[in-house]
Amino acid sequence: MPDTVRTLSQLLLIFADGQPANSISPQDFRDAIVTFASWAKVVTTIVPLDVAVVTTGGTPVTALSAGHRTAGGWIKNPDTATTDLGINEVGSASGTTSSGSTTFIPPGEVYTLAASSNAVSVISTDSAHAFSGYGFQ
């Protein structure tokens, strides 16, 4: 039987709590190993942010250039920030509250970036607003 990459839901059903030991086959273990190995290959490169500060309040910056988060990533608004941080994964970030394609996160929150070849734009109302994160490729 060929090895199969399974979804997390499938693996949780196969390896559910309370399963009798004889209900899990050697093929189930092989499939789990193949699945875990495929997950490990998703991120091969960690890409630092191209820009990590909104220098002028109300003016967006490109935190990650196009192609720098093909396997996803994250951006964090620091705990010490005093204003929300706007993130746009498909265009230029704008505004002061979540609307359209721009989502604002409060201080201390992390925004998970989808896997995409698009650039990521960030905006804040205050100048010198630092943020952190990575893109994954």
N, C-alpha and C. Protein backbone atom coordinates (compact mmCIF):
# COMPACT_ATOMS: atom_id res chain seq x y z
N MET A 1 0.84 -1.18 0.00
CA MET A 1 0.00 0.00 0.00
C MET A 1 0.88 1.24 0.00
N PRO A 2 0.57 2.24 -0.83
CA PRO A 2 1.40 3.45 -0.87
C PRO A 2 1.23 4.29 0.39
N ASP A 3 2.30 5.00 0.75
CA ASP A 3 2.23 5.93 1.88
C ASP A 3 1.38 7.12 1.47
N THR A 4 0.59 7.65 2.41
CA THR A 4 -0.35 8.72 2.11
C THR A 4 -0.16 9.88 3.08
N VAL A 5 -0.07 11.09 2.54
CA VAL A 5 -0.05 12.28 3.39
C VAL A 5 -1.49 12.52 3.84
N ARG A 6 -1.69 12.57 5.14
CA ARG A 6 -3.03 12.71 5.73
C ARG A 6 -3.22 14.14 6.27
N THR A 7 -4.46 14.52 6.44
CA THR A 7 -4.76 15.80 7.08
C THR A 7 -4.66 15.64 8.59
N LEU A 8 -4.57 16.75 9.27
CA LEU A 8 -4.53 16.70 10.73
C LEU A 8 -5.79 16.04 11.28
N SER A 9 -6.94 16.35 10.71
CA SER A 9 -8.20 15.74 11.17
C SER A 9 -8.17 14.22 11.03
N GLN A 10 -7.64 13.74 9.90
CA GLN A 10 -7.55 12.29 9.70
C GLN A 10 -6.63 11.65 10.73
N LEU A 11 -5.49 12.28 10.98
CA LEU A 11 -4.55 11.72 11.96
C LEU A 11 -5.15 11.71 13.37
N LEU A 12 -5.89 12.75 13.71
CA LEU A 12 -6.51 12.79 15.04
C LEU A 12 -7.56 11.71 15.21
N LEU A 13 -8.24 11.34 14.14
CA LEU A 13 -9.20 10.24 14.21
C LEU A 13 -8.48 8.90 14.37
N ILE A 14 -7.42 8.70 13.59
CA ILE A 14 -6.67 7.44 13.65
C ILE A 14 -6.03 7.25 15.01
N PHE A 15 -5.45 8.33 15.55
CA PHE A 15 -4.71 8.25 16.81
C PHE A 15 -5.49 8.87 17.97
N ALA A 16 -6.79 8.69 17.98
CA ALA A 16 -7.65 9.26 19.03
C ALA A 16 -7.32 8.66 20.39
N ASP A 17 -7.52 9.45 21.42
CA ASP A 17 -7.34 8.95 22.79
C ASP A 17 -8.23 7.74 23.01
N GLY A 18 -7.70 6.74 23.70
CA GLY A 18 -8.49 5.57 24.05
C GLY A 18 -8.55 4.50 22.97
N GLN A 19 -7.82 4.71 21.86
CA GLN A 19 -7.81 3.69 20.80
C GLN A 19 -7.12 2.43 21.31
N PRO A 20 -7.68 1.25 21.05
CA PRO A 20 -6.96 0.02 21.39
C PRO A 20 -5.69 -0.07 20.54
N ALA A 21 -4.62 -0.57 21.13
CA ALA A 21 -3.33 -0.63 20.45
C ALA A 21 -3.40 -1.38 19.12
N ASN A 22 -4.22 -2.41 19.04
CA ASN A 22 -4.26 -3.21 17.81
C ASN A 22 -5.11 -2.56 16.71
N SER A 23 -5.73 -1.40 16.98
CA SER A 23 -6.55 -0.74 15.95
C SER A 23 -5.72 0.20 15.08
N ILE A 24 -4.47 0.44 15.45
CA ILE A 24 -3.58 1.31 14.67
C ILE A 24 -2.60 0.41 13.92
N SER A 25 -2.64 0.49 12.60
CA SER A 25 -1.82 -0.40 11.78
C SER A 25 -0.43 0.17 11.53
N PRO A 26 0.51 -0.68 11.11
CA PRO A 26 1.82 -0.19 10.72
C PRO A 26 1.72 0.86 9.59
N GLN A 27 0.75 0.69 8.70
CA GLN A 27 0.57 1.66 7.61
C GLN A 27 0.13 3.02 8.17
N ASP A 28 -0.68 3.01 9.24
CA ASP A 28 -1.08 4.27 9.87
C ASP A 28 0.16 5.02 10.38
N PHE A 29 1.10 4.28 10.99
CA PHE A 29 2.33 4.91 11.47
C PHE A 29 3.16 5.45 10.31
N ARG A 30 3.25 4.69 9.22
CA ARG A 30 3.99 5.14 8.04
C ARG A 30 3.36 6.42 7.49
N ASP A 31 2.03 6.43 7.39
CA ASP A 31 1.33 7.61 6.89
C ASP A 31 1.59 8.82 7.79
N ALA A 32 1.61 8.60 9.09
CA ALA A 32 1.88 9.70 10.03
C ALA A 32 3.29 10.23 9.81
N ILE A 33 4.27 9.36 9.64
CA ILE A 33 5.65 9.79 9.41
C ILE A 33 5.77 10.58 8.12
N VAL A 34 5.14 10.08 7.05
CA VAL A 34 5.17 10.78 5.76
C VAL A 34 4.51 12.15 5.90
N THR A 35 3.42 12.21 6.63
CA THR A 35 2.71 13.47 6.83
C THR A 35 3.58 14.46 7.60
N PHE A 36 4.18 14.03 8.71
CA PHE A 36 5.02 14.91 9.51
C PHE A 36 6.22 15.41 8.69
N ALA A 37 6.79 14.55 7.87
CA ALA A 37 7.91 14.95 7.03
C ALA A 37 7.47 16.00 6.01
N SER A 38 6.25 15.87 5.48
CA SER A 38 5.77 16.86 4.52
C SER A 38 5.54 18.21 5.19
N TRP A 39 5.09 18.21 6.45
CA TRP A 39 4.89 19.46 7.17
C TRP A 39 6.23 20.15 7.41
N ALA A 40 7.26 19.39 7.70
CA ALA A 40 8.57 19.95 7.97
C ALA A 40 9.16 20.63 6.74
N LYS A 41 8.75 20.22 5.55
CA LYS A 41 9.28 20.79 4.32
C LYS A 41 8.59 22.08 3.90
N VAL A 42 7.50 22.44 4.55
CA VAL A 42 6.72 23.60 4.14
C VAL A 42 7.56 24.87 4.23
N VAL A 43 8.26 25.08 5.34
CA VAL A 43 9.07 26.27 5.53
C VAL A 43 10.53 25.90 5.35
N THR A 44 11.14 26.41 4.29
CA THR A 44 12.55 26.11 4.08
C THR A 44 13.43 27.31 4.37
N THR A 45 12.85 28.51 4.32
CA THR A 45 13.62 29.72 4.55
C THR A 45 12.81 30.70 5.39
N ILE A 46 13.44 31.26 6.40
CA ILE A 46 12.84 32.33 7.19
C ILE A 46 13.35 33.64 6.61
N VAL A 47 12.42 34.52 6.23
CA VAL A 47 12.78 35.78 5.60
C VAL A 47 12.51 36.92 6.57
N PRO A 48 13.54 37.69 6.94
CA PRO A 48 13.29 38.83 7.82
C PRO A 48 12.46 39.89 7.10
N LEU A 49 11.78 40.71 7.88
CA LEU A 49 10.99 41.80 7.31
C LEU A 49 11.88 42.72 6.48
N ASP A 50 11.35 43.20 5.38
CA ASP A 50 12.07 44.19 4.57
C ASP A 50 12.06 45.55 5.27
N VAL A 51 10.96 45.85 5.94
CA VAL A 51 10.82 47.07 6.72
C VAL A 51 10.13 46.67 8.03
N ALA A 52 10.62 47.20 9.17
CA ALA A 52 10.06 46.82 10.47
C ALA A 52 9.61 48.03 11.28
N VAL A 53 9.35 49.14 10.58
CA VAL A 53 8.88 50.33 11.29
C VAL A 53 8.04 51.19 10.33
N VAL A 54 6.91 51.67 10.83
CA VAL A 54 6.14 52.68 10.10
C VAL A 54 6.80 54.00 10.45
N THR A 55 7.51 54.60 9.50
CA THR A 55 8.29 55.80 9.82
C THR A 55 7.43 57.05 9.97
N THR A 56 6.37 57.16 9.15
CA THR A 56 5.50 58.32 9.20
C THR A 56 4.07 57.86 9.40
N GLY A 57 3.44 58.31 10.47
CA GLY A 57 2.06 57.92 10.76
C GLY A 57 1.14 58.20 9.58
N GLY A 58 0.28 57.22 9.27
CA GLY A 58 -0.66 57.36 8.18
C GLY A 58 -0.10 57.03 6.81
N THR A 59 1.19 56.70 6.73
CA THR A 59 1.82 56.34 5.46
C THR A 59 2.23 54.87 5.50
N PRO A 60 1.67 54.04 4.62
CA PRO A 60 1.99 52.61 4.67
C PRO A 60 3.43 52.31 4.25
N VAL A 61 3.95 51.20 4.78
CA VAL A 61 5.26 50.69 4.38
C VAL A 61 5.09 49.25 3.90
N THR A 62 6.01 48.78 3.09
CA THR A 62 5.98 47.39 2.63
C THR A 62 6.84 46.56 3.57
N ALA A 63 6.17 45.84 4.47
CA ALA A 63 6.87 45.04 5.47
C ALA A 63 7.58 43.85 4.83
N LEU A 64 6.89 43.18 3.89
CA LEU A 64 7.48 42.07 3.14
C LEU A 64 7.22 42.29 1.66
N SER A 65 8.26 42.29 0.88
CA SER A 65 8.14 42.46 -0.57
C SER A 65 7.49 41.23 -1.19
N ALA A 66 6.99 41.38 -2.39
CA ALA A 66 6.38 40.27 -3.13
C ALA A 66 7.36 39.09 -3.18
N GLY A 67 6.84 37.90 -2.91
CA GLY A 67 7.63 36.68 -2.95
C GLY A 67 8.33 36.33 -1.65
N HIS A 68 8.20 37.16 -0.62
CA HIS A 68 8.91 36.91 0.64
C HIS A 68 8.09 36.17 1.68
N ARG A 69 6.90 35.66 1.32
CA ARG A 69 6.10 34.89 2.28
C ARG A 69 5.29 33.82 1.55
N THR A 70 5.93 33.13 0.66
CA THR A 70 5.24 32.12 -0.15
C THR A 70 4.73 30.94 0.67
N ALA A 71 5.24 30.78 1.90
CA ALA A 71 4.74 29.74 2.80
C ALA A 71 4.10 30.35 4.04
N GLY A 72 3.74 31.64 3.98
CA GLY A 72 3.08 32.29 5.10
C GLY A 72 4.03 33.16 5.90
N GLY A 73 3.66 33.43 7.14
CA GLY A 73 4.49 34.25 8.01
C GLY A 73 3.66 34.86 9.13
N TRP A 74 4.21 35.87 9.80
CA TRP A 74 3.50 36.54 10.88
C TRP A 74 4.05 37.94 11.08
N ILE A 75 3.20 38.80 11.65
CA ILE A 75 3.59 40.15 12.05
C ILE A 75 3.01 40.40 13.44
N LYS A 76 3.84 40.97 14.31
CA LYS A 76 3.38 41.27 15.69
C LYS A 76 3.44 42.76 15.95
N ASN A 77 2.34 43.27 16.53
CA ASN A 77 2.31 44.62 17.05
C ASN A 77 2.85 44.52 18.48
N PRO A 78 3.96 45.18 18.80
CA PRO A 78 4.59 44.98 20.11
C PRO A 78 3.67 45.28 21.30
N ASP A 79 3.95 44.61 22.39
CA ASP A 79 3.20 44.83 23.63
C ASP A 79 3.29 46.29 24.07
N THR A 80 4.41 46.94 23.77
CA THR A 80 4.64 48.32 24.21
C THR A 80 4.04 49.36 23.27
N ALA A 81 3.45 48.94 22.15
CA ALA A 81 2.85 49.89 21.21
C ALA A 81 1.68 50.61 21.88
N THR A 82 1.41 51.82 21.41
CA THR A 82 0.29 52.59 21.97
C THR A 82 -0.88 52.69 21.00
N THR A 83 -0.70 52.22 19.76
CA THR A 83 -1.77 52.26 18.77
C THR A 83 -1.86 50.93 18.02
N ASP A 84 -2.98 50.74 17.36
CA ASP A 84 -3.18 49.53 16.56
C ASP A 84 -2.30 49.57 15.32
N LEU A 85 -2.07 48.38 14.75
CA LEU A 85 -1.25 48.24 13.54
C LEU A 85 -2.13 47.65 12.45
N GLY A 86 -2.15 48.29 11.28
CA GLY A 86 -2.95 47.82 10.16
C GLY A 86 -2.11 46.99 9.20
N ILE A 87 -2.67 45.86 8.74
CA ILE A 87 -1.95 44.94 7.86
C ILE A 87 -2.83 44.64 6.66
N ASN A 88 -2.23 44.71 5.46
CA ASN A 88 -2.96 44.41 4.24
C ASN A 88 -2.11 43.43 3.41
N GLU A 89 -2.70 42.27 3.08
CA GLU A 89 -1.98 41.22 2.35
C GLU A 89 -2.18 41.27 0.84
N VAL A 90 -3.05 42.15 0.36
CA VAL A 90 -3.35 42.17 -1.08
C VAL A 90 -3.15 43.53 -1.73
N GLY A 91 -2.89 44.56 -0.96
CA GLY A 91 -2.72 45.89 -1.52
C GLY A 91 -2.07 46.80 -0.49
N SER A 92 -2.28 48.09 -0.67
CA SER A 92 -1.69 49.08 0.23
C SER A 92 -2.59 49.27 1.46
N ALA A 93 -2.01 49.15 2.65
CA ALA A 93 -2.77 49.35 3.88
C ALA A 93 -3.23 50.80 3.97
N SER A 94 -4.46 50.98 4.52
CA SER A 94 -4.98 52.34 4.66
C SER A 94 -5.96 52.40 5.81
N GLY A 95 -6.26 53.63 6.23
CA GLY A 95 -7.27 53.84 7.26
C GLY A 95 -6.73 53.75 8.67
N THR A 96 -7.68 53.70 9.61
CA THR A 96 -7.32 53.63 11.03
C THR A 96 -8.07 52.51 11.75
N THR A 97 -9.03 51.89 11.06
CA THR A 97 -9.77 50.76 11.63
C THR A 97 -9.93 49.70 10.54
N SER A 98 -10.18 48.49 10.96
CA SER A 98 -10.32 47.40 9.99
C SER A 98 -11.45 47.68 9.02
N SER A 99 -11.12 47.61 7.73
CA SER A 99 -12.12 47.72 6.68
C SER A 99 -11.47 47.30 5.37
N GLY A 100 -12.29 46.77 4.47
CA GLY A 100 -11.76 46.29 3.20
C GLY A 100 -10.72 45.21 3.44
N SER A 101 -9.56 45.36 2.84
CA SER A 101 -8.50 44.36 2.96
C SER A 101 -7.51 44.66 4.08
N THR A 102 -7.71 45.73 4.81
CA THR A 102 -6.80 46.09 5.89
C THR A 102 -7.40 45.68 7.23
N THR A 103 -6.62 44.91 7.98
CA THR A 103 -7.02 44.45 9.30
C THR A 103 -6.11 45.08 10.34
N PHE A 104 -6.70 45.68 11.37
CA PHE A 104 -5.92 46.29 12.44
C PHE A 104 -5.87 45.36 13.64
N ILE A 105 -4.67 45.26 14.23
CA ILE A 105 -4.49 44.44 15.43
C ILE A 105 -4.01 45.34 16.57
N PRO A 106 -4.49 45.08 17.79
CA PRO A 106 -4.08 45.91 18.93
C PRO A 106 -2.67 45.55 19.40
N PRO A 107 -2.11 46.39 20.26
CA PRO A 107 -0.79 46.09 20.82
C PRO A 107 -0.75 44.69 21.44
N GLY A 108 0.34 43.99 21.21
CA GLY A 108 0.55 42.66 21.77
C GLY A 108 0.00 41.52 20.94
N GLU A 109 -0.76 41.81 19.89
CA GLU A 109 -1.36 40.76 19.06
C GLU A 109 -0.46 40.38 17.88
N VAL A 110 -0.66 39.13 17.42
CA VAL A 110 0.08 38.61 16.27
C VAL A 110 -0.91 38.34 15.14
N TYR A 111 -0.52 38.71 13.94
CA TYR A 111 -1.33 38.48 12.74
C TYR A 111 -0.62 37.41 11.91
N THR A 112 -1.33 36.34 11.59
CA THR A 112 -0.76 35.26 10.78
C THR A 112 -0.99 35.55 9.31
N LEU A 113 0.10 35.55 8.54
CA LEU A 113 0.03 35.82 7.11
C LEU A 113 -0.24 34.54 6.33
N ALA A 114 -1.11 34.61 5.36
CA ALA A 114 -1.39 33.47 4.49
C ALA A 114 -0.21 33.26 3.54
N ALA A 115 -0.05 32.04 3.08
CA ALA A 115 0.95 31.75 2.06
C ALA A 115 0.52 32.44 0.76
N SER A 116 1.38 33.28 0.22
CA SER A 116 1.06 34.04 -0.98
C SER A 116 2.33 34.65 -1.54
N SER A 117 2.30 35.02 -2.79
CA SER A 117 3.44 35.72 -3.38
C SER A 117 3.26 37.23 -3.29
N ASN A 118 2.12 37.70 -2.75
CA ASN A 118 1.86 39.14 -2.63
C ASN A 118 2.76 39.79 -1.59
N ALA A 119 2.97 41.09 -1.76
CA ALA A 119 3.65 41.89 -0.74
C ALA A 119 2.71 42.10 0.44
N VAL A 120 3.25 42.53 1.58
CA VAL A 120 2.46 42.84 2.77
C VAL A 120 2.71 44.29 3.15
N SER A 121 1.63 45.05 3.25
CA SER A 121 1.69 46.47 3.58
C SER A 121 1.22 46.68 5.02
N VAL A 122 1.87 47.59 5.73
CA VAL A 122 1.56 47.86 7.14
C VAL A 122 1.42 49.37 7.33
N ILE A 123 0.49 49.76 8.21
CA ILE A 123 0.25 51.18 8.50
C ILE A 123 -0.06 51.36 9.98
N SER A 124 0.23 52.54 10.48
CA SER A 124 -0.12 52.92 11.85
C SER A 124 -0.39 54.41 11.87
N THR A 125 -1.11 54.87 12.88
CA THR A 125 -1.37 56.31 12.97
C THR A 125 -0.20 57.07 13.56
N ASP A 126 0.69 56.38 14.26
CA ASP A 126 1.83 57.07 14.87
C ASP A 126 3.11 56.83 14.08
N SER A 127 4.01 57.79 14.17
CA SER A 127 5.31 57.68 13.51
C SER A 127 6.26 56.86 14.37
N ALA A 128 7.26 56.28 13.74
CA ALA A 128 8.26 55.44 14.41
C ALA A 128 7.63 54.25 15.12
N HIS A 129 6.58 53.68 14.52
CA HIS A 129 5.89 52.52 15.10
C HIS A 129 6.60 51.24 14.63
N ALA A 130 7.36 50.64 15.52
CA ALA A 130 8.08 49.41 15.21
C ALA A 130 7.15 48.21 15.30
N PHE A 131 7.46 47.16 14.57
CA PHE A 131 6.73 45.90 14.63
C PHE A 131 7.72 44.79 14.29
N SER A 132 7.33 43.55 14.51
CA SER A 132 8.24 42.44 14.24
C SER A 132 7.52 41.38 13.41
N GLY A 133 8.30 40.43 12.91
CA GLY A 133 7.71 39.34 12.14
C GLY A 133 8.70 38.68 11.22
N TYR A 134 8.19 37.72 10.46
CA TYR A 134 8.98 36.98 9.46
C TYR A 134 8.07 36.55 8.34
N GLY A 135 8.66 36.36 7.19
CA GLY A 135 7.99 35.68 6.09
C GLY A 135 8.59 34.29 6.00
N PHE A 136 7.84 33.33 5.50
CA PHE A 136 8.34 31.98 5.32
C PHE A 136 8.29 31.62 3.84
N GLN A 137 9.32 30.96 3.37
CA GLN A 137 9.36 30.50 1.98
C GLN A 137 9.63 29.02 1.95
